[in-house]
C-alpha atoms as a PDB file:
ATOM      1  CA  MET A   1      -4.820 -18.371 -11.544  1.00  0.00           C
ATOM      2  CA  MET A   2      -4.449 -15.934  -8.203  1.00  0.00           C
ATOM      3  CA  ASP A   3      -2.872 -18.722  -6.063  1.00  0.00           C
ATOM      4  CA  PHE A   4      -0.145 -19.286  -8.946  1.00  0.00           C
ATOM      5  CA  TYR A   5       0.582 -15.885  -9.101  1.00  0.00           C
ATOM      6  CA  ILE A   6       0.950 -15.566  -5.667  1.00  0.00           C
ATOM      7  CA  ILE A   7       3.353 -18.388  -5.284  1.00  0.00           C
ATOM      8  CA  LEU A   8       5.594 -17.767  -8.281  1.00  0.00           C
ATOM      9  CA  THR A   9       6.186 -14.197  -7.160  1.00  0.00           C
ATOM     10  CA  ALA A  10       6.967 -15.537  -3.574  1.00  0.00           C
ATOM     11  CA  SER A  11       9.226 -18.260  -5.238  1.00  0.00           C
ATOM     12  CA  LEU A  12      11.159 -15.926  -7.522  1.00  0.00           C
ATOM     13  CA  VAL A  13      11.850 -13.461  -4.451  1.00  0.00           C
ATOM     14  CA  ALA A  14      12.751 -16.868  -2.614  1.00  0.00           C
ATOM     15  CA  ILE A  15      15.318 -17.977  -5.639  1.00  0.00           C
ATOM     16  CA  ASN A  16      16.853 -14.391  -5.804  1.00  0.00           C
ATOM     17  CA  CYS A  17      17.411 -14.118  -1.969  1.00  0.00           C
ATOM     18  CA  ALA A  18      18.828 -17.485  -1.813  1.00  0.00           C
ATOM     19  CA  LEU A  19      21.396 -17.195  -4.369  1.00  0.00           C
ATOM     20  CA  MET A  20      22.773 -13.718  -2.776  1.00  0.00           C
ATOM     21  CA  GLY A  21      21.817 -14.870   0.902  1.00  0.00           C
ATOM     22  CA  CYS A  22      23.957 -18.196   0.612  1.00  0.00           C
ATOM     23  CA  PHE A  23      27.286 -15.898  -0.053  1.00  0.00           C
ATOM     24  CA  LEU A  24      25.815 -13.307   2.875  1.00  0.00           C
ATOM     25  CA  VAL A  25      25.427 -16.097   5.488  1.00  0.00           C
ATOM     26  CA  MET A  26      29.008 -17.661   4.534  1.00  0.00           C
ATOM     27  CA  ARG A  27      30.360 -13.880   4.723  1.00  0.00           C
ATOM     28  CA  LYS A  28      28.626 -13.249   8.301  1.00  0.00           C
ATOM     29  CA  MET A  29      26.807 -10.290   6.582  1.00  0.00           C
ATOM     30  CA  VAL A  30      23.270 -11.500   6.210  1.00  0.00           C
ATOM     31  CA  MET A  31      21.830  -8.377   8.269  1.00  0.00           C
ATOM     32  CA  ILE A  32      23.061  -6.230   5.494  1.00  0.00           C
ATOM     33  CA  GLY A  33      19.915  -7.306   3.637  1.00  0.00           C
ATOM     34  CA  ASP A  34      17.879  -6.173   6.413  1.00  0.00           C
ATOM     35  CA  ALA A  35      20.226  -2.663   6.088  1.00  0.00           C
ATOM     36  CA  ILE A  36      19.435  -2.088   2.690  1.00  0.00           C
ATOM     37  CA  SER A  37      15.473  -3.277   2.897  1.00  0.00           C
ATOM     38  CA  HIS A  38      14.806  -0.630   5.647  1.00  0.00           C
ATOM     39  CA  ALA A  39      17.450   2.217   4.150  1.00  0.00           C
ATOM     40  CA  VAL A  40      15.551   2.209   0.692  1.00  0.00           C
ATOM     41  CA  LEU A  41      12.490   4.475   2.317  1.00  0.00           C
ATOM     42  CA  PRO A  42      14.140   7.907   1.761  1.00  0.00           C
ATOM     43  CA  GLY A  43      14.729   6.701  -1.779  1.00  0.00           C
ATOM     44  CA  ILE A  44      11.541   5.957  -2.358  1.00  0.00           C
ATOM     45  CA  PHE A  45      10.576   9.273  -0.697  1.00  0.00           C
ATOM     46  CA  ILE A  46      12.646  11.450  -2.688  1.00  0.00           C
ATOM     47  CA  ALA A  47      12.058   9.779  -5.994  1.00  0.00           C
ATOM     48  CA  TYR A  48       8.189   9.954  -5.604  1.00  0.00           C
ATOM     49  CA  TYR A  49       8.980  13.735  -4.454  1.00  0.00           C
ATOM     50  CA  ILE A  50      10.872  14.827  -7.670  1.00  0.00           C
ATOM     51  CA  SER A  51       8.768  12.443 -10.312  1.00  0.00           C
ATOM     52  CA  GLY A  52       5.153  13.333  -8.823  1.00  0.00           C
ATOM     53  CA  THR A  53       4.329   9.448  -9.652  1.00  0.00           C
ATOM     54  CA  THR A  54       4.613   6.403  -7.452  1.00  0.00           C
ATOM     55  CA  ALA A  55       5.288   4.060 -10.983  1.00  0.00           C
ATOM     56  CA  SER A  56       7.620   1.373 -10.677  1.00  0.00           C
ATOM     57  CA  LEU A  57      10.564   2.793 -12.538  1.00  0.00           C
ATOM     58  CA  PRO A  58      11.259   5.848 -10.887  1.00  0.00           C
ATOM     59  CA  ILE A  59      10.480   4.244  -7.506  1.00  0.00           C
ATOM     60  CA  LEU A  60      13.075   1.433  -8.150  1.00  0.00           C
ATOM     61  CA  ILE A  61      15.684   4.014  -9.198  1.00  0.00           C
ATOM     62  CA  GLY A  62      15.528   5.844  -5.856  1.00  0.00           C
ATOM     63  CA  ALA A  63      15.423   2.796  -3.689  1.00  0.00           C
ATOM     64  CA  ALA A  64      18.293   1.371  -5.787  1.00  0.00           C
ATOM     65  CA  LEU A  65      20.351   4.590  -5.532  1.00  0.00           C
ATOM     66  CA  SER A  66      19.537   4.425  -1.485  1.00  0.00           C
ATOM     67  CA  GLY A  67      20.468   0.921  -1.211  1.00  0.00           C
ATOM     68  CA  ILE A  68      23.706   1.664  -2.908  1.00  0.00           C
ATOM     69  CA  LEU A  69      23.939   4.942  -0.399  1.00  0.00           C
ATOM     70  CA  ALA A  70      23.659   2.301   2.663  1.00  0.00           C
ATOM     71  CA  THR A  71      26.091  -0.294   1.437  1.00  0.00           C
ATOM     72  CA  ILE A  72      28.648   2.549   1.033  1.00  0.00           C
ATOM     73  CA  MET A  73      27.759   3.854   4.463  1.00  0.00           C
ATOM     74  CA  ILE A  74      28.410   0.481   6.087  1.00  0.00           C
ATOM     75  CA  GLU A  75      31.533   0.227   4.074  1.00  0.00           C
ATOM     76  CA  TRP A  76      32.664   3.273   5.462  1.00  0.00           C
ATOM     77  CA  PHE A  77      31.829   3.174   8.602  1.00  0.00           C
ATOM     78  CA  THR A  78      33.575  -0.484   9.006  1.00  0.00           C
ATOM     79  CA  LYS A  79      36.813   0.639   7.528  1.00  0.00           C
ATOM     80  CA  LYS A  80      37.044   4.171   8.445  1.00  0.00           C
ATOM     81  CA  ALA A  81      35.698   4.216  11.651  1.00  0.00           C
ATOM     82  CA  ARG A  82      36.646   0.659  12.778  1.00  0.00           C
ATOM     83  CA  LEU A  83      33.524  -0.267  13.718  1.00  0.00           C
ATOM     84  CA  GLN A  84      32.293  -3.836  14.160  1.00  0.00           C
ATOM     85  CA  SER A  85      29.922  -4.942  11.033  1.00  0.00           C
ATOM     86  CA  ASP A  86      27.003  -5.047  12.729  1.00  0.00           C
ATOM     87  CA  ALA A  87      27.475  -1.783  14.696  1.00  0.00           C
ATOM     88  CA  ALA A  88      27.837  -0.179  11.111  1.00  0.00           C
ATOM     89  CA  ILE A  89      24.707  -1.807   9.813  1.00  0.00           C
ATOM     90  CA  GLY A  90      22.904  -1.005  12.667  1.00  0.00           C
ATOM     91  CA  ILE A  91      23.729   2.736  12.388  1.00  0.00           C
ATOM     92  CA  SER A  92      23.415   3.129   8.636  1.00  0.00           C
ATOM     93  CA  TYR A  93      20.141   1.525   8.084  1.00  0.00           C
ATOM     94  CA  THR A  94      18.367   3.009  11.094  1.00  0.00           C
ATOM     95  CA  LEU A  95      19.685   6.394  10.168  1.00  0.00           C
ATOM     96  CA  LEU A  96      18.299   6.143   6.934  1.00  0.00           C
ATOM     97  CA  PHE A  97      15.053   4.665   7.736  1.00  0.00           C
ATOM     98  CA  ALA A  98      14.372   7.291  10.202  1.00  0.00           C
ATOM     99  CA  ILE A  99      15.065  10.128   7.644  1.00  0.00           C
ATOM    100  CA  GLY A 100      12.714   8.336   5.300  1.00  0.00           C
ATOM    101  CA  VAL A 101       9.700   8.719   8.052  1.00  0.00           C
ATOM    102  CA  ILE A 102      10.785  11.823   8.674  1.00  0.00           C
ATOM    103  CA  LEU A 103      10.679  12.788   4.803  1.00  0.00           C
ATOM    104  CA  ILE A 104       7.197  11.355   4.475  1.00  0.00           C
ATOM    105  CA  SER A 105       5.577  12.690   8.052  1.00  0.00           C
ATOM    106  CA  LYS A 106       6.781  16.129   7.032  1.00  0.00           C
ATOM    107  CA  PHE A 107       6.412  16.571   3.232  1.00  0.00           C
ATOM    108  CA  GLY A 108       4.284  13.386   2.197  1.00  0.00           C
ATOM    109  CA  GLU A 109       0.824  14.240   3.594  1.00  0.00           C
ATOM    110  CA  ASN A 110      -0.731  13.542   0.417  1.00  0.00           C
ATOM    111  CA  ALA A 111       1.776  11.040  -0.799  1.00  0.00           C
ATOM    112  CA  ASP A 112       0.278   7.710  -1.821  1.00  0.00           C
ATOM    113  CA  LEU A 113       3.161   5.810   0.427  1.00  0.00           C
ATOM    114  CA  ASP A 114       2.476   3.585   3.316  1.00  0.00           C
ATOM    115  CA  GLN A 115       5.479   2.737   5.507  1.00  0.00           C
ATOM    116  CA  GLU A 116       3.844  -0.433   6.433  1.00  0.00           C
ATOM    117  CA  CYS A 117       3.840  -1.562   2.855  1.00  0.00           C
ATOM    118  CA  VAL A 118       7.821  -1.515   2.980  1.00  0.00           C
ATOM    119  CA  LEU A 119       7.675  -3.818   5.584  1.00  0.00           C
ATOM    120  CA  TYR A 120       4.962  -6.090   5.013  1.00  0.00           C
ATOM    121  CA  GLY A 121       4.682  -5.686   0.979  1.00  0.00           C
ATOM    122  CA  GLU A 122       1.340  -6.173  -0.843  1.00  0.00           C
ATOM    123  CA  ILE A 123       1.757  -9.790  -2.380  1.00  0.00           C
ATOM    124  CA  GLU A 124      -2.076 -10.640  -1.527  1.00  0.00           C
ATOM    125  CA  TYR A 125      -2.709  -8.006  -4.278  1.00  0.00           C
ATOM    126  CA  ILE A 126      -0.265  -8.662  -6.784  1.00  0.00           C
ATOM    127  CA  THR A 127      -3.084 -10.182  -9.187  1.00  0.00           C
ATOM    128  CA  GLY A 128      -4.060  -6.424  -9.761  1.00  0.00           C
ATOM    129  CA  TRP A 129      -1.271  -5.493 -11.713  1.00  0.00           C
ATOM    130  CA  LEU A 130      -1.670  -7.752 -14.829  1.00  0.00           C
ATOM    131  CA  GLN A 131       0.614  -7.366 -17.794  1.00  0.00           C
ATOM    132  CA  PRO A 132       0.817  -9.064 -21.430  1.00  0.00           C
ATOM    133  CA  PHE A 133       3.774 -11.475 -21.406  1.00  0.00           C
ATOM    134  CA  ILE A 134       5.139 -14.072 -23.820  1.00  0.00           C
ATOM    135  CA  GLY A 135       2.765 -15.402 -26.184  1.00  0.00           C
ATOM    136  CA  GLY A 136      -0.313 -13.796 -24.526  1.00  0.00           C
ATOM    137  CA  PHE A 137       0.224 -14.993 -21.628  1.00  0.00           C
ATOM    138  CA  GLU A 138      -0.453 -12.475 -18.520  1.00  0.00           C
ATOM    139  CA  LEU A 139       1.868 -12.216 -15.525  1.00  0.00           C
ATOM    140  CA  PRO A 140       1.851  -9.489 -12.758  1.00  0.00           C
ATOM    141  CA  LYS A 141       3.842  -6.333 -13.632  1.00  0.00           C
ATOM    142  CA  GLN A 142       6.080  -7.169 -10.123  1.00  0.00           C
ATOM    143  CA  THR A 143       6.306 -10.676 -11.330  1.00  0.00           C
ATOM    144  CA  ILE A 144       7.639 -10.099 -14.799  1.00  0.00           C
ATOM    145  CA  ILE A 145      10.503  -7.820 -13.049  1.00  0.00           C
ATOM    146  CA  LEU A 146      11.194 -10.484 -10.475  1.00  0.00           C
ATOM    147  CA  LEU A 147      11.615 -12.872 -13.430  1.00  0.00           C
ATOM    148  CA  ILE A 148      14.181 -10.211 -15.357  1.00  0.00           C
ATOM    149  CA  VAL A 149      16.185 -10.314 -12.102  1.00  0.00           C
ATOM    150  CA  CYS A 150      16.187 -13.788 -11.343  1.00  0.00           C
ATOM    151  CA  VAL A 151      17.768 -14.251 -14.937  1.00  0.00           C
ATOM    152  CA  ILE A 152      20.124 -11.260 -14.231  1.00  0.00           C
ATOM    153  CA  LEU A 153      21.450 -12.835 -10.961  1.00  0.00           C
ATOM    154  CA  ILE A 154      21.892 -16.682 -12.103  1.00  0.00           C
ATOM    155  CA  THR A 155      23.965 -15.394 -15.073  1.00  0.00           C
ATOM    156  CA  ALA A 156      26.037 -13.320 -12.464  1.00  0.00           C
ATOM    157  CA  VAL A 157      26.545 -15.844 -10.193  1.00  0.00           C
ATOM    158  CA  VAL A 158      27.436 -18.466 -12.795  1.00  0.00           C
ATOM    159  CA  TRP A 159      29.937 -15.861 -14.265  1.00  0.00           C
ATOM    160  CA  GLY A 160      31.416 -14.460 -11.425  1.00  0.00           C
ATOM    161  CA  TYR A 161      31.028 -17.658  -9.058  1.00  0.00           C
ATOM    162  CA  LYS A 162      34.744 -18.106  -8.999  1.00  0.00           C
ATOM    163  CA  GLY A 163      35.673 -14.445  -7.918  1.00  0.00           C
ATOM    164  CA  LEU A 164      32.488 -14.657  -5.228  1.00  0.00           C
ATOM    165  CA  PHE A 165      33.541 -17.863  -4.167  1.00  0.00           C
ATOM    166  CA  ILE A 166      37.466 -17.219  -2.884  1.00  0.00           C
ATOM    167  CA  THR A 167      36.572 -13.675  -2.075  1.00  0.00           C
ATOM    168  CA  THR A 168      33.756 -15.252   0.317  1.00  0.00           C
ATOM    169  CA  PHE A 169      35.853 -18.152   2.175  1.00  0.00           C
ATOM    170  CA  ASP A 170      39.450 -17.013   1.842  1.00  0.00           C
ATOM    171  CA  PRO A 171      39.637 -13.233   1.026  1.00  0.00           C
ATOM    172  CA  ASN A 172      43.137 -12.819   2.142  1.00  0.00           C
ATOM    173  CA  PHE A 173      44.292 -15.859   0.214  1.00  0.00           C
ATOM    174  CA  ALA A 174      42.415 -14.082  -2.779  1.00  0.00           C
ATOM    175  CA  LEU A 175      43.908 -10.510  -2.044  1.00  0.00           C
ATOM    176  CA  SER A 176      47.467 -11.941  -1.942  1.00  0.00           C
ATOM    177  CA  THR A 177      46.851 -13.503  -5.341  1.00  0.00           C
ATOM    178  CA  GLY A 178      45.511 -10.216  -6.951  1.00  0.00           C
ATOM    179  CA  VAL A 179      42.153 -11.246  -7.044  1.00  0.00           C
ATOM    180  CA  ALA A 180      40.357  -7.586  -7.068  1.00  0.00           C
ATOM    181  CA  VAL A 181      38.728  -8.406  -3.814  1.00  0.00           C
ATOM    182  CA  THR A 182      36.829  -4.845  -3.428  1.00  0.00           C
ATOM    183  CA  PHE A 183      35.410  -5.453  -6.868  1.00  0.00           C
ATOM    184  CA  TRP A 184      33.777  -8.749  -5.956  1.00  0.00           C
ATOM    185  CA  HIS A 185      32.335  -7.159  -2.828  1.00  0.00           C
ATOM    186  CA  TYR A 186      30.567  -4.251  -4.560  1.00  0.00           C
ATOM    187  CA  PHE A 187      29.754  -6.889  -7.026  1.00  0.00           C
ATOM    188  CA  LEU A 188      27.786  -9.023  -4.461  1.00  0.00           C
ATOM    189  CA  MET A 189      26.531  -6.131  -2.814  1.00  0.00           C
ATOM    190  CA  SER A 190      25.267  -4.700  -5.951  1.00  0.00           C
ATOM    191  CA  GLY A 191      23.330  -7.889  -6.193  1.00  0.00           C
ATOM    192  CA  VAL A 192      21.962  -8.287  -2.784  1.00  0.00           C
ATOM    193  CA  SER A 193      20.697  -3.886  -3.089  1.00  0.00           C
ATOM    194  CA  LEU A 194      19.130  -5.449  -6.721  1.00  0.00           C
ATOM    195  CA  THR A 195      17.249  -8.262  -4.919  1.00  0.00           C
ATOM    196  CA  THR A 196      15.931  -6.123  -1.817  1.00  0.00           C
ATOM    197  CA  VAL A 197      14.830  -3.398  -3.973  1.00  0.00           C
ATOM    198  CA  VAL A 198      12.798  -5.358  -6.508  1.00  0.00           C
ATOM    199  CA  SER A 199      11.440  -7.544  -3.816  1.00  0.00           C
ATOM    200  CA  PHE A 200      10.120  -5.311  -0.706  1.00  0.00           C
ATOM    201  CA  GLU A 201       7.438  -3.858  -3.007  1.00  0.00           C
ATOM    202  CA  SER A 202       6.030  -7.198  -3.408  1.00  0.00           C
ATOM    203  CA  VAL A 203       6.688  -9.111   0.041  1.00  0.00           C
ATOM    204  CA  GLY A 204       7.939  -6.565   2.066  1.00  0.00           C
ATOM    205  CA  ALA A 205      10.960  -6.053   3.980  1.00  0.00           C
ATOM    206  CA  ILE A 206      10.503  -8.847   6.818  1.00  0.00           C
ATOM    207  CA  LEU A 207      10.137 -11.171   4.427  1.00  0.00           C
ATOM    208  CA  VAL A 208      13.169 -10.526   2.307  1.00  0.00           C
ATOM    209  CA  ILE A 209      15.037 -10.910   5.394  1.00  0.00           C
ATOM    210  CA  ALA A 210      13.663 -14.386   6.211  1.00  0.00           C
ATOM    211  CA  PHE A 211      14.505 -15.402   2.843  1.00  0.00           C
ATOM    212  CA  LEU A 212      17.791 -14.034   2.936  1.00  0.00           C
ATOM    213  CA  SER A 213      18.769 -16.094   5.946  1.00  0.00           C
ATOM    214  CA  GLY A 214      16.539 -18.427   6.546  1.00  0.00           C
ATOM    215  CA  PRO A 215      16.648 -20.818   3.505  1.00  0.00           C
ATOM    216  CA  PRO A 216      20.629 -20.357   3.276  1.00  0.00           C
ATOM    217  CA  ALA A 217      20.969 -21.417   6.964  1.00  0.00           C
ATOM    218  CA  ILE A 218      18.862 -24.420   6.094  1.00  0.00           C
ATOM    219  CA  ALA A 219      21.076 -25.374   3.306  1.00  0.00           C
ATOM    220  CA  TYR A 220      24.062 -24.698   5.256  1.00  0.00           C
ATOM    221  CA  LEU A 221      23.086 -27.050   7.845  1.00  0.00           C
ATOM    222  CA  LEU A 222      22.354 -29.777   5.154  1.00  0.00           C
ATOM    223  CA  THR A 223      25.392 -29.826   3.193  1.00  0.00           C
ATOM    224  CA  GLU A 224      29.094 -28.733   3.209  1.00  0.00           C
ATOM    225  CA  ASP A 225      28.951 -28.439  -0.828  1.00  0.00           C
ATOM    226  CA  PHE A 226      28.432 -24.907  -1.466  1.00  0.00           C
ATOM    227  CA  LYS A 227      27.201 -25.391  -4.987  1.00  0.00           C
ATOM    228  CA  LYS A 228      24.406 -28.037  -3.662  1.00  0.00           C
ATOM    229  CA  MET A 229      23.624 -24.968  -0.833  1.00  0.00           C
ATOM    230  CA  LEU A 230      22.938 -22.505  -3.377  1.00  0.00           C
ATOM    231  CA  VAL A 231      20.256 -24.978  -5.404  1.00  0.00           C
ATOM    232  CA  LEU A 232      19.186 -26.727  -1.705  1.00  0.00           C
ATOM    233  CA  ALA A 233      18.207 -22.915  -0.475  1.00  0.00           C
ATOM    234  CA  CYS A 234      16.422 -22.062  -3.741  1.00  0.00           C
ATOM    235  CA  LEU A 235      14.399 -25.164  -2.958  1.00  0.00           C
ATOM    236  CA  VAL A 236      13.761 -24.785   0.660  1.00  0.00           C
ATOM    237  CA  GLY A 237      12.793 -21.255  -0.361  1.00  0.00           C
ATOM    238  CA  ILE A 238      10.300 -22.348  -2.975  1.00  0.00           C
ATOM    239  CA  ALA A 239       8.765 -25.277  -0.731  1.00  0.00           C
ATOM    240  CA  CYS A 240       8.329 -22.957   2.174  1.00  0.00           C
ATOM    241  CA  SER A 241       6.536 -20.188  -0.103  1.00  0.00           C
ATOM    242  CA  VAL A 242       3.950 -22.916  -1.271  1.00  0.00           C
ATOM    243  CA  ALA A 243       3.457 -24.320   2.352  1.00  0.00           C
ATOM    244  CA  GLY A 244       3.127 -20.606   3.580  1.00  0.00           C
ATOM    245  CA  TYR A 245       0.644 -19.515   1.187  1.00  0.00           C
ATOM    246  CA  TYR A 246      -1.874 -22.594   1.832  1.00  0.00           C
ATOM    247  CA  PHE A 247      -1.186 -22.158   5.614  1.00  0.00           C
ATOM    248  CA  ALA A 248      -2.133 -18.495   5.108  1.00  0.00           C
ATOM    249  CA  VAL A 249      -5.224 -19.373   2.959  1.00  0.00           C
ATOM    250  CA  TRP A 250      -6.121 -21.836   5.742  1.00  0.00           C
ATOM    251  CA  LEU A 251      -5.728 -19.511   8.592  1.00  0.00           C
ATOM    252  CA  ASP A 252      -6.732 -16.311   6.372  1.00  0.00           C
ATOM    253  CA  VAL A 253      -3.899 -14.581   7.566  1.00  0.00           C
ATOM    254  CA  SER A 254      -0.733 -12.656   6.149  1.00  0.00           C
ATOM    255  CA  VAL A 255       0.988 -14.510   3.544  1.00  0.00           C
ATOM    256  CA  ALA A 256       4.256 -12.834   4.244  1.00  0.00           C
ATOM    257  CA  GLY A 257       3.782 -13.817   7.948  1.00  0.00           C
ATOM    258  CA  SER A 258       2.611 -17.165   7.203  1.00  0.00           C
ATOM    259  CA  ILE A 259       5.997 -17.824   4.638  1.00  0.00           C
ATOM    260  CA  ALA A 260       8.358 -16.286   7.030  1.00  0.00           C
ATOM    261  CA  THR A 261       6.868 -18.389   9.702  1.00  0.00           C
ATOM    262  CA  MET A 262       7.024 -21.866   7.597  1.00  0.00           C
ATOM    263  CA  ILE A 263      11.022 -20.949   7.175  1.00  0.00           C
ATOM    264  CA  GLY A 264      11.310 -20.378  10.722  1.00  0.00           C
ATOM    265  CA  ILE A 265       9.542 -23.630  11.628  1.00  0.00           C
ATOM    266  CA  ALA A 266      11.843 -25.700   8.888  1.00  0.00           C
ATOM    267  CA  PHE A 267      14.788 -24.141  10.276  1.00  0.00           C
ATOM    268  CA  ILE A 268      14.101 -25.092  13.476  1.00  0.00           C
ATOM    269  CA  VAL A 269      12.847 -28.717  12.187  1.00  0.00           C
ATOM    270  CA  VAL A 270      16.267 -29.393  10.051  1.00  0.00           C
ATOM    271  CA  PHE A 271      18.223 -27.807  12.955  1.00  0.00           C
ATOM    272  CA  THR A 272      16.442 -30.309  15.403  1.00  0.00           C
ATOM    273  CA  PHE A 273      17.269 -33.442  13.058  1.00  0.00           C
ATOM    274  CA  THR A 274      20.670 -32.731  12.172  1.00  0.00           C
ATOM    275  CA  SER A 275      21.637 -31.720  16.042  1.00  0.00           C
ATOM    276  CA  LEU A 276      20.295 -35.549  16.918  1.00  0.00           C
ATOM    277  CA  LEU A 277      22.503 -37.259  13.882  1.00  0.00           C
ATOM    278  CA  LYS A 278      25.343 -35.586  15.057  1.00  0.00           C
ATOM    279  CA  SER A 279      24.969 -36.309  18.758  1.00  0.00           C
ATOM    280  CA  LYS A 280      24.115 -40.218  17.404  1.00  0.00           C
ATOM    281  CA  ALA A 281      27.676 -39.930  15.582  1.00  0.00           C
ATOM    282  CA  ASP A 282      29.272 -38.515  18.463  1.00  0.00           C
ATOM    283  CA  VAL A 283      28.224 -41.335  20.508  1.00  0.00           C
ATOM    284  CA  ILE A 284      28.990 -44.009  17.920  1.00  0.00           C
ATOM    285  CA  SER A 285      32.433 -42.820  17.394  1.00  0.00           C
ATOM    286  CA  ALA A 286      32.998 -42.437  21.463  1.00  0.00           C
END
């Protein structure tokens, strides 16, 4: 069952990240997931410092607030300071992450908080947190949270698909027709924040970034239909989760690192394949 729990958890993260990542890739904002996943560190420590516990709820609340702060900072720097989005992202997340490191170094000597856990996660140990689920079936606590978030995100994407779609592909037209572009921006950013915050504890920030960018980019190479892109990105993420886990077991290495490696390999293979097909089509048409 341990294999099932780990693969299920990674697959849920893959689905959640793919749903948000497709919109981020098309908006050229995928690295905002990197910013949020690093920026949660000060929120985690402050939540621990106030509550005195590393229980999931206060930690998630603190991380979520820190993630929202990062989003607001990026938006403010982009609009008010007129910085490029990549510069605003770089300034915001490095500032917040550095503050978190300083807080832990200065005031968290006895805190059971590990900065490396934020980066690499603890998916190998997720089976130690089993909780009763439907029908007496047990699932890891983090897996249950990810499942709930998955349902929330699917519902949100289905409900807000039209608004998210038009503001992603033609924000100027959306603005001219009275669509609330700002609302849909923060609607998407809330989903990204929720996704990264609930995912980093189990798989770590590095794999969250890989899931946000890799499967959507692969799906983008395979189809021009955005709805198909959403589905393909989820399937690619699940496939990489399965392949990465068994690759990690085979080599006895990090599961998160192996899954991220599989995502990178899958992108290279698909990119090479599609490039060859395009080159062949260009030759035929010429």
